[in-house]
Amino acid sequence: MEKILSKLKNLSGVLGVYLLDVEGNLLYVNSSLDNPPIELSYTLASLKGYLNDLLDSTKMGKFADCFINGSVGRIIFNSLKNGDLLVIFASNVSNLGMIKFEMSNAIQQIENIR
C-alpha cells in the first residue's frame, strides 16, 4: 500500500496524502505540511461526517468525493468502499486531472489488496 500511495505524493504539486479509517485513525500519511498528521486526520474524518450528514438530510445520497478549492491550494477527498477516506492536499498549480486519475488508480489497487 505504501508504494501505491507514495506514487500519489510524488505527483507535482501534491503536498500530502492521507489514508484514514472511519474514526479518523491514520492508516497512512506522507506529507510535507507543517500540521500534525493526527490532528488533520481527526479533522478530515469529522468533515466527512458533516458532509455525509448534509447529503443524508437533503436526501442527496452518500458521500463519495469532494473537492475544496482554497486561494492557494485544494483538498481532494475520496471515499473507499469500506468507508476509509483518501485525502490529498495539493497546490493550485497542480494538475488536477492527473491527480484524479492517479487517485482513482490508487483506490482501485487498494481495494483489490483488501
C-alpha atoms as a PDB file:
ATOM      1  CA  MET A   1       0.000   0.000   0.000  1.00  0.00           C
ATOM      2  CA  GLU A   2       2.852   2.376   0.795  1.00  0.00           C
ATOM      3  CA  LYS A   3       4.202   2.007  -2.744  1.00  0.00           C
ATOM      4  CA  ILE A   4       0.782   2.791  -4.233  1.00  0.00           C
ATOM      5  CA  LEU A   5       0.225   5.916  -2.123  1.00  0.00           C
ATOM      6  CA  SER A   6       3.786   7.229  -2.398  1.00  0.00           C
ATOM      7  CA  LYS A   7       3.208   7.446  -6.153  1.00  0.00           C
ATOM      8  CA  LEU A   8       0.459   9.994  -5.407  1.00  0.00           C
ATOM      9  CA  LYS A   9       2.745  12.036  -3.151  1.00  0.00           C
ATOM     10  CA  ASN A  10       5.352  12.191  -5.909  1.00  0.00           C
ATOM     11  CA  LEU A  11       2.969  13.944  -8.312  1.00  0.00           C
ATOM     12  CA  SER A  12       3.847  17.573  -8.984  1.00  0.00           C
ATOM     13  CA  GLY A  13       2.078  19.940  -6.585  1.00  0.00           C
ATOM     14  CA  VAL A  14       0.909  17.256  -4.120  1.00  0.00           C
ATOM     15  CA  LEU A  15       1.661  18.383  -0.569  1.00  0.00           C
ATOM     16  CA  GLY A  16       0.216  15.480   1.392  1.00  0.00           C
ATOM     17  CA  VAL A  17      -1.507  12.116   1.108  1.00  0.00           C
ATOM     18  CA  TYR A  18      -3.602  10.767   3.985  1.00  0.00           C
ATOM     19  CA  LEU A  19      -5.487   7.490   4.280  1.00  0.00           C
ATOM     20  CA  LEU A  20      -7.758   7.229   7.312  1.00  0.00           C
ATOM     21  CA  ASP A  21     -10.406   4.911   8.617  1.00  0.00           C
ATOM     22  CA  VAL A  22     -13.961   5.948   9.516  1.00  0.00           C
ATOM     23  CA  GLU A  23     -12.958   7.120  13.015  1.00  0.00           C
ATOM     24  CA  GLY A  24     -10.092   9.243  11.715  1.00  0.00           C
ATOM     25  CA  ASN A  25      -7.259   6.897  12.653  1.00  0.00           C
ATOM     26  CA  LEU A  26      -4.295   7.272  10.332  1.00  0.00           C
ATOM     27  CA  LEU A  27      -3.604   4.256   8.162  1.00  0.00           C
ATOM     28  CA  TYR A  28      -1.013   6.043   6.008  1.00  0.00           C
ATOM     29  CA  VAL A  29       0.446   9.529   5.796  1.00  0.00           C
ATOM     30  CA  ASN A  30       3.091  11.092   3.582  1.00  0.00           C
ATOM     31  CA  SER A  31       3.020  14.848   3.940  1.00  0.00           C
ATOM     32  CA  SER A  32       5.188  17.912   3.747  1.00  0.00           C
ATOM     33  CA  LEU A  33       2.593  20.035   5.582  1.00  0.00           C
ATOM     34  CA  ASP A  34       3.557  21.548   8.939  1.00  0.00           C
ATOM     35  CA  ASN A  35       0.333  20.433  10.630  1.00  0.00           C
ATOM     36  CA  PRO A  36       0.462  17.411  12.940  1.00  0.00           C
ATOM     37  CA  PRO A  37      -0.934  14.485  10.896  1.00  0.00           C
ATOM     38  CA  ILE A  38      -3.037  13.114  13.753  1.00  0.00           C
ATOM     39  CA  GLU A  39      -4.868  16.442  14.211  1.00  0.00           C
ATOM     40  CA  LEU A  40      -5.549  16.699  10.489  1.00  0.00           C
ATOM     41  CA  SER A  41      -6.809  13.124  10.338  1.00  0.00           C
ATOM     42  CA  TYR A  42      -9.471  13.711  13.009  1.00  0.00           C
ATOM     43  CA  THR A  43     -10.497  16.991  11.394  1.00  0.00           C
ATOM     44  CA  LEU A  44     -10.788  15.349   7.971  1.00  0.00           C
ATOM     45  CA  ALA A  45     -12.866  12.454   9.343  1.00  0.00           C
ATOM     46  CA  SER A  46     -15.121  14.927  11.136  1.00  0.00           C
ATOM     47  CA  LEU A  47     -15.571  16.970   7.954  1.00  0.00           C
ATOM     48  CA  LYS A  48     -16.501  13.828   6.042  1.00  0.00           C
ATOM     49  CA  GLY A  49     -19.071  13.039   8.725  1.00  0.00           C
ATOM     50  CA  TYR A  50     -20.624  16.504   8.447  1.00  0.00           C
ATOM     51  CA  LEU A  51     -20.726  16.274   4.659  1.00  0.00           C
ATOM     52  CA  ASN A  52     -22.286  12.815   4.877  1.00  0.00           C
ATOM     53  CA  ASP A  53     -24.924  14.132   7.310  1.00  0.00           C
ATOM     54  CA  LEU A  54     -25.688  17.022   4.960  1.00  0.00           C
ATOM     55  CA  LEU A  55     -26.096  14.693   1.993  1.00  0.00           C
ATOM     56  CA  ASP A  56     -28.269  12.358   4.042  1.00  0.00           C
ATOM     57  CA  SER A  57     -30.527  15.113   5.413  1.00  0.00           C
ATOM     58  CA  THR A  58     -31.072  16.563   1.938  1.00  0.00           C
ATOM     59  CA  LYS A  59     -31.631  13.059   0.503  1.00  0.00           C
ATOM     60  CA  MET A  60     -28.800  13.558  -1.987  1.00  0.00           C
ATOM     61  CA  GLY A  61     -27.152  10.169  -1.441  1.00  0.00           C
ATOM     62  CA  LYS A  62     -23.969   9.029   0.253  1.00  0.00           C
ATOM     63  CA  PHE A  63     -20.600  10.763   0.409  1.00  0.00           C
ATOM     64  CA  ALA A  64     -18.352   9.723  -2.498  1.00  0.00           C
ATOM     65  CA  ASP A  65     -15.864  12.513  -3.111  1.00  0.00           C
ATOM     66  CA  CYS A  66     -15.325  16.208  -2.547  1.00  0.00           C
ATOM     67  CA  PHE A  67     -13.055  18.988  -3.788  1.00  0.00           C
ATOM     68  CA  ILE A  68     -12.339  22.033  -1.668  1.00  0.00           C
ATOM     69  CA  ASN A  69     -10.611  24.855  -3.508  1.00  0.00           C
ATOM     70  CA  GLY A  70      -8.785  27.432  -1.442  1.00  0.00           C
ATOM     71  CA  SER A  71      -6.951  30.560  -2.514  1.00  0.00           C
ATOM     72  CA  VAL A  72      -3.576  28.768  -2.634  1.00  0.00           C
ATOM     73  CA  GLY A  73      -4.448  25.072  -2.537  1.00  0.00           C
ATOM     74  CA  ARG A  74      -7.061  22.373  -2.708  1.00  0.00           C
ATOM     75  CA  ILE A  75      -8.136  19.355  -0.714  1.00  0.00           C
ATOM     76  CA  ILE A  76      -9.436  16.293  -2.544  1.00  0.00           C
ATOM     77  CA  PHE A  77     -11.457  13.689  -0.616  1.00  0.00           C
ATOM     78  CA  ASN A  78     -12.423  10.268  -1.905  1.00  0.00           C
ATOM     79  CA  SER A  79     -14.241   7.516  -0.057  1.00  0.00           C
ATOM     80  CA  LEU A  80     -13.275   3.863  -0.454  1.00  0.00           C
ATOM     81  CA  LYS A  81     -15.860   1.071  -0.494  1.00  0.00           C
ATOM     82  CA  ASN A  82     -15.033   0.039   3.077  1.00  0.00           C
ATOM     83  CA  GLY A  83     -15.537   3.589   4.396  1.00  0.00           C
ATOM     84  CA  ASP A  84     -11.859   4.569   4.550  1.00  0.00           C
ATOM     85  CA  LEU A  85     -11.030   8.054   3.316  1.00  0.00           C
ATOM     86  CA  LEU A  86      -8.213   9.030   0.950  1.00  0.00           C
ATOM     87  CA  VAL A  87      -7.326  12.722   1.132  1.00  0.00           C
ATOM     88  CA  ILE A  88      -4.842  14.661  -0.966  1.00  0.00           C
ATOM     89  CA  PHE A  89      -3.635  18.179  -0.246  1.00  0.00           C
ATOM     90  CA  ALA A  90      -2.328  19.919  -3.349  1.00  0.00           C
ATOM     91  CA  SER A  91      -1.266  23.362  -4.511  1.00  0.00           C
ATOM     92  CA  ASN A  92      -3.408  25.257  -7.023  1.00  0.00           C
ATOM     93  CA  VAL A  93      -0.721  24.811  -9.680  1.00  0.00           C
ATOM     94  CA  SER A  94      -1.035  21.014  -9.540  1.00  0.00           C
ATOM     95  CA  ASN A  95      -2.568  19.082 -12.424  1.00  0.00           C
ATOM     96  CA  LEU A  96      -5.996  18.183 -11.036  1.00  0.00           C
ATOM     97  CA  GLY A  97      -6.768  15.786 -13.905  1.00  0.00           C
ATOM     98  CA  MET A  98      -3.590  13.806 -13.290  1.00  0.00           C
ATOM     99  CA  ILE A  99      -4.217  13.724  -9.542  1.00  0.00           C
ATOM    100  CA  LYS A 100      -7.790  12.471 -10.015  1.00  0.00           C
ATOM    101  CA  PHE A 101      -6.596   9.809 -12.473  1.00  0.00           C
ATOM    102  CA  GLU A 102      -3.824   8.553 -10.179  1.00  0.00           C
ATOM    103  CA  MET A 103      -6.118   8.765  -7.146  1.00  0.00           C
ATOM    104  CA  SER A 104      -8.674   6.571  -8.936  1.00  0.00           C
ATOM    105  CA  ASN A 105      -5.964   4.042  -9.825  1.00  0.00           C
ATOM    106  CA  ALA A 106      -4.681   4.024  -6.242  1.00  0.00           C
ATOM    107  CA  ILE A 107      -8.150   3.455  -4.812  1.00  0.00           C
ATOM    108  CA  GLN A 108      -8.744   0.561  -7.178  1.00  0.00           C
ATOM    109  CA  GLN A 109      -5.394  -1.026  -6.263  1.00  0.00           C
ATOM    110  CA  ILE A 110      -6.003  -0.563  -2.501  1.00  0.00           C
ATOM    111  CA  GLU A 111      -9.463  -2.102  -2.732  1.00  0.00           C
ATOM    112  CA  ASN A 112      -8.012  -5.068  -4.641  1.00  0.00           C
ATOM    113  CA  ILE A 113      -5.456  -5.653  -1.854  1.00  0.00           C
ATOM    114  CA  ARG A 114      -8.058  -5.683   0.940  1.00  0.00           C
END
